[in-house]
């Protein structure tokens, strides 16, 4: 189901079909490591999510020639534990200080601009020197670990927090930082769910692994994106 901002996406079609339909939708994606066979939830129009007290960040003007297909937000920084990294310091041009980050339900792992990705990986490595990394051939990720089969325990990584305009934070625990890329007789290989943006992609993309166990609301009427922690 296409949920992007383009004219042929599912939200665009149902919102244009009836003027009385509230132009917003929300979804909640479960932790796929522990709930592999559990589906998520998606709501359109008027709804009431019990106990959901959303924090909102503005949707900002799109960047680039295909920007009007996506939902852009102003990601101002990323923290690894107590170490803060300013996002705009790692962008390629000043024109991308605002509007250089996309929220996308259709992308699996998060893509970060090369400089920002390198800084994030370096800091995670620095703060996890007590863990034994695993070299995974063919993985696009720079950090991988192996855990025993059928375990629900994940490597203890530092809390990673994405900071957005208006003081909205997206906190990422191990289940949103690592994704399974393979397995062998000794266990499952989990790799960091962040990769470097391909050459020519001039923005960051926040993928659905980083949106797990959050209600994510796209309020197109008020031009804002809402986040609240949940057990999806």
C-alpha atoms as a PDB file:
ATOM      1  CA  UNK A   1       0.000   0.000   0.000  1.00  0.00           C
ATOM      2  CA  UNK A   2       1.613   3.269  -1.116  1.00  0.00           C
ATOM      3  CA  UNK A   3       1.468   5.880   1.646  1.00  0.00           C
ATOM      4  CA  UNK A   4       3.655   8.569   0.084  1.00  0.00           C
ATOM      5  CA  UNK A   5       2.646  12.145  -0.642  1.00  0.00           C
ATOM      6  CA  UNK A   6       2.132  11.602  -4.374  1.00  0.00           C
ATOM      7  CA  UNK A   7      -1.259  12.079  -6.087  1.00  0.00           C
ATOM      8  CA  UNK A   8      -1.737   8.332  -6.728  1.00  0.00           C
ATOM      9  CA  UNK A   9      -0.965   7.129  -3.202  1.00  0.00           C
ATOM     10  CA  UNK A  10      -3.687   5.480  -1.122  1.00  0.00           C
ATOM     11  CA  UNK A  11      -4.065   8.435   1.315  1.00  0.00           C
ATOM     12  CA  UNK A  12      -4.309  10.938  -1.556  1.00  0.00           C
ATOM     13  CA  UNK A  13      -7.044   8.915  -3.234  1.00  0.00           C
ATOM     14  CA  UNK A  14      -9.255   8.417  -0.174  1.00  0.00           C
ATOM     15  CA  UNK A  15      -8.810  12.006   1.017  1.00  0.00           C
ATOM     16  CA  UNK A  16      -9.766  13.391  -2.402  1.00  0.00           C
ATOM     17  CA  UNK A  17     -12.789  11.071  -2.587  1.00  0.00           C
ATOM     18  CA  UNK A  18     -14.594  12.739   0.314  1.00  0.00           C
ATOM     19  CA  UNK A  19     -14.172  16.294   1.559  1.00  0.00           C
ATOM     20  CA  UNK A  20     -15.515  15.288   4.970  1.00  0.00           C
ATOM     21  CA  UNK A  21     -12.661  12.825   5.567  1.00  0.00           C
ATOM     22  CA  UNK A  22     -10.060  14.188   7.984  1.00  0.00           C
ATOM     23  CA  UNK A  23      -6.761  14.286   6.127  1.00  0.00           C
ATOM     24  CA  UNK A  24      -4.613  12.276   8.488  1.00  0.00           C
ATOM     25  CA  UNK A  25      -3.473   8.698   8.988  1.00  0.00           C
ATOM     26  CA  UNK A  26      -1.430   6.804  11.556  1.00  0.00           C
ATOM     27  CA  UNK A  27       0.275   3.443  11.822  1.00  0.00           C
ATOM     28  CA  UNK A  28       1.939   1.371  14.529  1.00  0.00           C
ATOM     29  CA  UNK A  29       4.635  -1.158  13.573  1.00  0.00           C
ATOM     30  CA  UNK A  30       5.601  -3.956  15.993  1.00  0.00           C
ATOM     31  CA  UNK A  31       9.116  -5.001  16.950  1.00  0.00           C
ATOM     32  CA  UNK A  32       9.834  -7.517  14.186  1.00  0.00           C
ATOM     33  CA  UNK A  33      12.649  -9.291  16.004  1.00  0.00           C
ATOM     34  CA  UNK A  34      10.346 -10.520  18.763  1.00  0.00           C
ATOM     35  CA  UNK A  35       7.051 -10.379  16.803  1.00  0.00           C
ATOM     36  CA  UNK A  36       7.972 -11.638  13.356  1.00  0.00           C
ATOM     37  CA  UNK A  37       4.478 -12.896  12.508  1.00  0.00           C
ATOM     38  CA  UNK A  38       2.558 -10.007  14.066  1.00  0.00           C
ATOM     39  CA  UNK A  39       1.020  -7.398  11.783  1.00  0.00           C
ATOM     40  CA  UNK A  40       0.880  -3.672  12.371  1.00  0.00           C
ATOM     41  CA  UNK A  41      -2.109  -1.332  12.554  1.00  0.00           C
ATOM     42  CA  UNK A  42      -3.051   1.542  10.242  1.00  0.00           C
ATOM     43  CA  UNK A  43      -5.875   4.069  10.655  1.00  0.00           C
ATOM     44  CA  UNK A  44      -7.275   6.744   8.320  1.00  0.00           C
ATOM     45  CA  UNK A  45      -9.448   9.800   8.876  1.00  0.00           C
ATOM     46  CA  UNK A  46     -11.046  10.351  12.284  1.00  0.00           C
ATOM     47  CA  UNK A  47      -9.784   8.010  14.981  1.00  0.00           C
ATOM     48  CA  UNK A  48      -9.106   7.982  18.688  1.00  0.00           C
ATOM     49  CA  UNK A  49      -6.019   6.104  19.863  1.00  0.00           C
ATOM     50  CA  UNK A  50      -6.438   5.380  23.569  1.00  0.00           C
ATOM     51  CA  UNK A  51      -3.622   6.802  25.663  1.00  0.00           C
ATOM     52  CA  UNK A  52      -1.756   8.264  22.678  1.00  0.00           C
ATOM     53  CA  UNK A  53      -0.443  11.713  23.564  1.00  0.00           C
ATOM     54  CA  UNK A  54       1.329  12.690  20.361  1.00  0.00           C
ATOM     55  CA  UNK A  55       4.266  15.078  20.147  1.00  0.00           C
ATOM     56  CA  UNK A  56       4.266  16.929  16.831  1.00  0.00           C
ATOM     57  CA  UNK A  57       6.986  18.209  14.540  1.00  0.00           C
ATOM     58  CA  UNK A  58       6.153  20.247  11.413  1.00  0.00           C
ATOM     59  CA  UNK A  59       6.223  18.756   7.949  1.00  0.00           C
ATOM     60  CA  UNK A  60       8.623  21.064   6.113  1.00  0.00           C
ATOM     61  CA  UNK A  61       8.885  22.070   2.425  1.00  0.00           C
ATOM     62  CA  UNK A  62      10.187  19.245   0.225  1.00  0.00           C
ATOM     63  CA  UNK A  63      13.737  19.226  -1.065  1.00  0.00           C
ATOM     64  CA  UNK A  64      14.811  18.366  -4.609  1.00  0.00           C
ATOM     65  CA  UNK A  65      12.959  17.492  -7.833  1.00  0.00           C
ATOM     66  CA  UNK A  66      11.137  14.435  -6.382  1.00  0.00           C
ATOM     67  CA  UNK A  67      10.573  15.970  -2.968  1.00  0.00           C
ATOM     68  CA  UNK A  68       6.815  16.411  -3.385  1.00  0.00           C
ATOM     69  CA  UNK A  69       6.421  12.612  -3.245  1.00  0.00           C
ATOM     70  CA  UNK A  70       7.726  12.397   0.319  1.00  0.00           C
ATOM     71  CA  UNK A  71       7.123  13.654   3.853  1.00  0.00           C
ATOM     72  CA  UNK A  72       9.997  15.854   4.998  1.00  0.00           C
ATOM     73  CA  UNK A  73      10.840  16.799   8.575  1.00  0.00           C
ATOM     74  CA  UNK A  74      13.594  18.857  10.167  1.00  0.00           C
ATOM     75  CA  UNK A  75      15.917  16.424  11.953  1.00  0.00           C
ATOM     76  CA  UNK A  76      18.218  18.655  13.954  1.00  0.00           C
ATOM     77  CA  UNK A  77      20.489  16.142  15.647  1.00  0.00           C
ATOM     78  CA  UNK A  78      21.216  12.558  16.663  1.00  0.00           C
ATOM     79  CA  UNK A  79      22.415  11.449  20.086  1.00  0.00           C
ATOM     80  CA  UNK A  80      24.303   8.252  20.856  1.00  0.00           C
ATOM     81  CA  UNK A  81      24.031   7.963  24.607  1.00  0.00           C
ATOM     82  CA  UNK A  82      25.018  11.427  25.845  1.00  0.00           C
ATOM     83  CA  UNK A  83      27.005  12.278  22.708  1.00  0.00           C
ATOM     84  CA  UNK A  84      25.117  14.768  20.496  1.00  0.00           C
ATOM     85  CA  UNK A  85      25.749  15.214  16.768  1.00  0.00           C
ATOM     86  CA  UNK A  86      24.271  18.180  14.936  1.00  0.00           C
ATOM     87  CA  UNK A  87      22.715  17.021  11.675  1.00  0.00           C
ATOM     88  CA  UNK A  88      23.234  20.155   9.587  1.00  0.00           C
ATOM     89  CA  UNK A  89      26.970  20.017  10.283  1.00  0.00           C
ATOM     90  CA  UNK A  90      27.073  16.827   8.219  1.00  0.00           C
ATOM     91  CA  UNK A  91      24.890  17.909   5.286  1.00  0.00           C
ATOM     92  CA  UNK A  92      26.422  18.611   1.895  1.00  0.00           C
ATOM     93  CA  UNK A  93      24.992  22.090   1.429  1.00  0.00           C
ATOM     94  CA  UNK A  94      23.371  24.831   3.462  1.00  0.00           C
ATOM     95  CA  UNK A  95      20.195  24.473   1.399  1.00  0.00           C
ATOM     96  CA  UNK A  96      19.649  21.156   3.186  1.00  0.00           C
ATOM     97  CA  UNK A  97      19.835  22.452   6.751  1.00  0.00           C
ATOM     98  CA  UNK A  98      16.038  22.163   6.832  1.00  0.00           C
ATOM     99  CA  UNK A  99      14.082  19.624   4.828  1.00  0.00           C
ATOM    100  CA  UNK A 100      16.869  17.125   4.264  1.00  0.00           C
ATOM    101  CA  UNK A 101      15.184  14.214   6.076  1.00  0.00           C
ATOM    102  CA  UNK A 102      12.292  11.994   4.927  1.00  0.00           C
ATOM    103  CA  UNK A 103       9.981   9.839   7.054  1.00  0.00           C
ATOM    104  CA  UNK A 104       9.174   6.803   4.904  1.00  0.00           C
ATOM    105  CA  UNK A 105       7.160   3.700   5.838  1.00  0.00           C
ATOM    106  CA  UNK A 106       8.231   1.917   2.655  1.00  0.00           C
ATOM    107  CA  UNK A 107      11.984   1.977   3.325  1.00  0.00           C
ATOM    108  CA  UNK A 108      13.244  -0.736   5.691  1.00  0.00           C
ATOM    109  CA  UNK A 109      16.417   0.668   7.264  1.00  0.00           C
ATOM    110  CA  UNK A 110      17.490   4.266   7.693  1.00  0.00           C
ATOM    111  CA  UNK A 111      19.714   5.916   5.081  1.00  0.00           C
ATOM    112  CA  UNK A 112      21.958   8.707   6.344  1.00  0.00           C
ATOM    113  CA  UNK A 113      24.126  11.147   4.434  1.00  0.00           C
ATOM    114  CA  UNK A 114      27.667   9.778   4.190  1.00  0.00           C
ATOM    115  CA  UNK A 115      29.326  12.107   6.729  1.00  0.00           C
ATOM    116  CA  UNK A 116      26.527  11.695   9.267  1.00  0.00           C
ATOM    117  CA  UNK A 117      26.488   7.913   8.831  1.00  0.00           C
ATOM    118  CA  UNK A 118      30.241   7.675   9.373  1.00  0.00           C
ATOM    119  CA  UNK A 119      30.008   9.778  12.530  1.00  0.00           C
ATOM    120  CA  UNK A 120      27.124   7.682  13.904  1.00  0.00           C
ATOM    121  CA  UNK A 121      28.881   4.358  13.244  1.00  0.00           C
ATOM    122  CA  UNK A 122      32.127   5.641  14.740  1.00  0.00           C
ATOM    123  CA  UNK A 123      30.371   6.749  17.934  1.00  0.00           C
ATOM    124  CA  UNK A 124      28.426   3.487  18.311  1.00  0.00           C
ATOM    125  CA  UNK A 125      31.672   1.556  17.908  1.00  0.00           C
ATOM    126  CA  UNK A 126      33.375   3.755  20.482  1.00  0.00           C
ATOM    127  CA  UNK A 127      30.611   3.152  23.014  1.00  0.00           C
ATOM    128  CA  UNK A 128      30.421  -0.617  22.405  1.00  0.00           C
ATOM    129  CA  UNK A 129      34.074  -1.588  22.626  1.00  0.00           C
ATOM    130  CA  UNK A 130      33.062  -4.224  25.186  1.00  0.00           C
ATOM    131  CA  UNK A 131      31.047  -6.087  22.516  1.00  0.00           C
ATOM    132  CA  UNK A 132      32.549  -8.454  19.957  1.00  0.00           C
ATOM    133  CA  UNK A 133      31.540  -7.421  16.422  1.00  0.00           C
ATOM    134  CA  UNK A 134      30.989  -9.986  13.693  1.00  0.00           C
ATOM    135  CA  UNK A 135      32.220  -9.533  10.119  1.00  0.00           C
ATOM    136  CA  UNK A 136      29.250 -10.202   7.828  1.00  0.00           C
ATOM    137  CA  UNK A 137      30.277 -10.611   4.187  1.00  0.00           C
ATOM    138  CA  UNK A 138      28.002  -8.804   1.768  1.00  0.00           C
ATOM    139  CA  UNK A 139      26.277  -6.687   4.418  1.00  0.00           C
ATOM    140  CA  UNK A 140      25.676  -3.013   3.639  1.00  0.00           C
ATOM    141  CA  UNK A 141      26.026  -2.295   7.351  1.00  0.00           C
ATOM    142  CA  UNK A 142      29.300  -1.484   9.081  1.00  0.00           C
ATOM    143  CA  UNK A 143      28.443  -3.020  12.465  1.00  0.00           C
ATOM    144  CA  UNK A 144      27.181  -6.588  12.989  1.00  0.00           C
ATOM    145  CA  UNK A 145      26.858  -8.986  15.928  1.00  0.00           C
ATOM    146  CA  UNK A 146      26.000 -12.665  16.282  1.00  0.00           C
ATOM    147  CA  UNK A 147      23.516 -13.848  18.920  1.00  0.00           C
ATOM    148  CA  UNK A 148      22.364 -17.395  19.803  1.00  0.00           C
ATOM    149  CA  UNK A 149      19.400 -18.794  17.892  1.00  0.00           C
ATOM    150  CA  UNK A 150      15.963 -18.309  19.527  1.00  0.00           C
ATOM    151  CA  UNK A 151      17.191 -15.719  22.019  1.00  0.00           C
ATOM    152  CA  UNK A 152      15.124 -12.620  22.738  1.00  0.00           C
ATOM    153  CA  UNK A 153      18.129 -10.843  24.239  1.00  0.00           C
ATOM    154  CA  UNK A 154      19.833  -8.324  21.974  1.00  0.00           C
ATOM    155  CA  UNK A 155      23.319  -6.800  22.291  1.00  0.00           C
ATOM    156  CA  UNK A 156      23.304  -3.890  24.734  1.00  0.00           C
ATOM    157  CA  UNK A 157      23.774  -0.867  22.522  1.00  0.00           C
ATOM    158  CA  UNK A 158      23.601   2.753  23.691  1.00  0.00           C
ATOM    159  CA  UNK A 159      20.286   4.553  23.290  1.00  0.00           C
ATOM    160  CA  UNK A 160      20.186   6.394  19.963  1.00  0.00           C
ATOM    161  CA  UNK A 161      17.838   9.393  19.796  1.00  0.00           C
ATOM    162  CA  UNK A 162      16.809  11.360  16.726  1.00  0.00           C
ATOM    163  CA  UNK A 163      15.925  14.964  17.573  1.00  0.00           C
ATOM    164  CA  UNK A 164      13.383  16.893  15.499  1.00  0.00           C
ATOM    165  CA  UNK A 165      12.079  20.440  15.371  1.00  0.00           C
ATOM    166  CA  UNK A 166       9.750  21.426  18.251  1.00  0.00           C
ATOM    167  CA  UNK A 167      11.581  19.182  20.711  1.00  0.00           C
ATOM    168  CA  UNK A 168      10.223  15.895  19.356  1.00  0.00           C
ATOM    169  CA  UNK A 169      12.458  12.851  19.946  1.00  0.00           C
ATOM    170  CA  UNK A 170      12.496   9.373  18.418  1.00  0.00           C
ATOM    171  CA  UNK A 171      14.260   7.027  20.860  1.00  0.00           C
ATOM    172  CA  UNK A 172      15.771   3.856  19.432  1.00  0.00           C
ATOM    173  CA  UNK A 173      16.533   0.795  21.531  1.00  0.00           C
ATOM    174  CA  UNK A 174      18.377  -2.325  20.286  1.00  0.00           C
ATOM    175  CA  UNK A 175      15.238  -3.703  18.562  1.00  0.00           C
ATOM    176  CA  UNK A 176      15.170  -0.578  16.358  1.00  0.00           C
ATOM    177  CA  UNK A 177      18.934  -0.426  15.845  1.00  0.00           C
ATOM    178  CA  UNK A 178      19.655  -3.984  14.701  1.00  0.00           C
ATOM    179  CA  UNK A 179      18.069  -6.167  12.040  1.00  0.00           C
ATOM    180  CA  UNK A 180      18.717  -9.835  11.140  1.00  0.00           C
ATOM    181  CA  UNK A 181      20.752 -10.323   7.970  1.00  0.00           C
ATOM    182  CA  UNK A 182      21.544 -14.036   8.130  1.00  0.00           C
ATOM    183  CA  UNK A 183      22.144 -17.046  10.304  1.00  0.00           C
ATOM    184  CA  UNK A 184      24.382 -20.100  10.632  1.00  0.00           C
ATOM    185  CA  UNK A 185      24.866 -23.002  13.036  1.00  0.00           C
ATOM    186  CA  UNK A 186      26.180 -20.613  15.683  1.00  0.00           C
ATOM    187  CA  UNK A 187      23.306 -18.151  15.673  1.00  0.00           C
ATOM    188  CA  UNK A 188      21.671 -15.126  14.052  1.00  0.00           C
ATOM    189  CA  UNK A 189      23.662 -12.240  12.608  1.00  0.00           C
ATOM    190  CA  UNK A 190      22.252  -8.810  13.471  1.00  0.00           C
ATOM    191  CA  UNK A 191      23.540  -5.695  11.737  1.00  0.00           C
ATOM    192  CA  UNK A 192      23.104  -1.995  12.369  1.00  0.00           C
ATOM    193  CA  UNK A 193      19.903  -0.802  10.673  1.00  0.00           C
ATOM    194  CA  UNK A 194      21.556   2.319   9.263  1.00  0.00           C
ATOM    195  CA  UNK A 195      23.344   2.525   5.927  1.00  0.00           C
ATOM    196  CA  UNK A 196      25.033   5.304   4.010  1.00  0.00           C
ATOM    197  CA  UNK A 197      22.850   7.055   1.419  1.00  0.00           C
ATOM    198  CA  UNK A 198      23.691   6.082  -2.123  1.00  0.00           C
ATOM    199  CA  UNK A 199      25.524   8.584  -4.248  1.00  0.00           C
ATOM    200  CA  UNK A 200      23.051  11.087  -5.664  1.00  0.00           C
ATOM    201  CA  UNK A 201      20.468  10.768  -2.866  1.00  0.00           C
ATOM    202  CA  UNK A 202      20.697  14.219  -1.250  1.00  0.00           C
ATOM    203  CA  UNK A 203      18.764  13.530   1.965  1.00  0.00           C
ATOM    204  CA  UNK A 204      18.349  11.217   4.936  1.00  0.00           C
ATOM    205  CA  UNK A 205      15.555   8.609   4.929  1.00  0.00           C
ATOM    206  CA  UNK A 206      14.148   7.342   8.240  1.00  0.00           C
ATOM    207  CA  UNK A 207      13.062   3.765   7.579  1.00  0.00           C
ATOM    208  CA  UNK A 208      10.400   1.625   9.199  1.00  0.00           C
ATOM    209  CA  UNK A 209      12.824  -0.284  11.446  1.00  0.00           C
ATOM    210  CA  UNK A 210      13.398   2.972  13.313  1.00  0.00           C
ATOM    211  CA  UNK A 211       9.628   3.547  13.548  1.00  0.00           C
ATOM    212  CA  UNK A 212       8.867   0.290  15.393  1.00  0.00           C
ATOM    213  CA  UNK A 213       6.823   0.498  18.606  1.00  0.00           C
ATOM    214  CA  UNK A 214       5.712   4.066  17.863  1.00  0.00           C
ATOM    215  CA  UNK A 215       2.439   5.442  16.648  1.00  0.00           C
ATOM    216  CA  UNK A 216       3.416   7.618  13.678  1.00  0.00           C
ATOM    217  CA  UNK A 217       0.749  10.085  12.567  1.00  0.00           C
ATOM    218  CA  UNK A 218       0.786  12.086   9.334  1.00  0.00           C
ATOM    219  CA  UNK A 219      -1.611  14.993   9.817  1.00  0.00           C
ATOM    220  CA  UNK A 220      -1.742  16.480   6.336  1.00  0.00           C
ATOM    221  CA  UNK A 221      -4.459  18.951   7.283  1.00  0.00           C
ATOM    222  CA  UNK A 222      -2.225  20.564   9.911  1.00  0.00           C
ATOM    223  CA  UNK A 223       1.019  19.760   8.055  1.00  0.00           C
ATOM    224  CA  UNK A 224       2.660  17.978  10.964  1.00  0.00           C
ATOM    225  CA  UNK A 225       3.979  14.557  11.939  1.00  0.00           C
ATOM    226  CA  UNK A 226       3.197  13.049  15.339  1.00  0.00           C
ATOM    227  CA  UNK A 227       5.124  10.476  17.376  1.00  0.00           C
ATOM    228  CA  UNK A 228       4.270   8.606  20.558  1.00  0.00           C
ATOM    229  CA  UNK A 229       5.760   5.431  22.038  1.00  0.00           C
ATOM    230  CA  UNK A 230       3.511   2.374  21.993  1.00  0.00           C
ATOM    231  CA  UNK A 231       3.468  -1.396  22.319  1.00  0.00           C
ATOM    232  CA  UNK A 232       2.484  -2.273  18.783  1.00  0.00           C
END
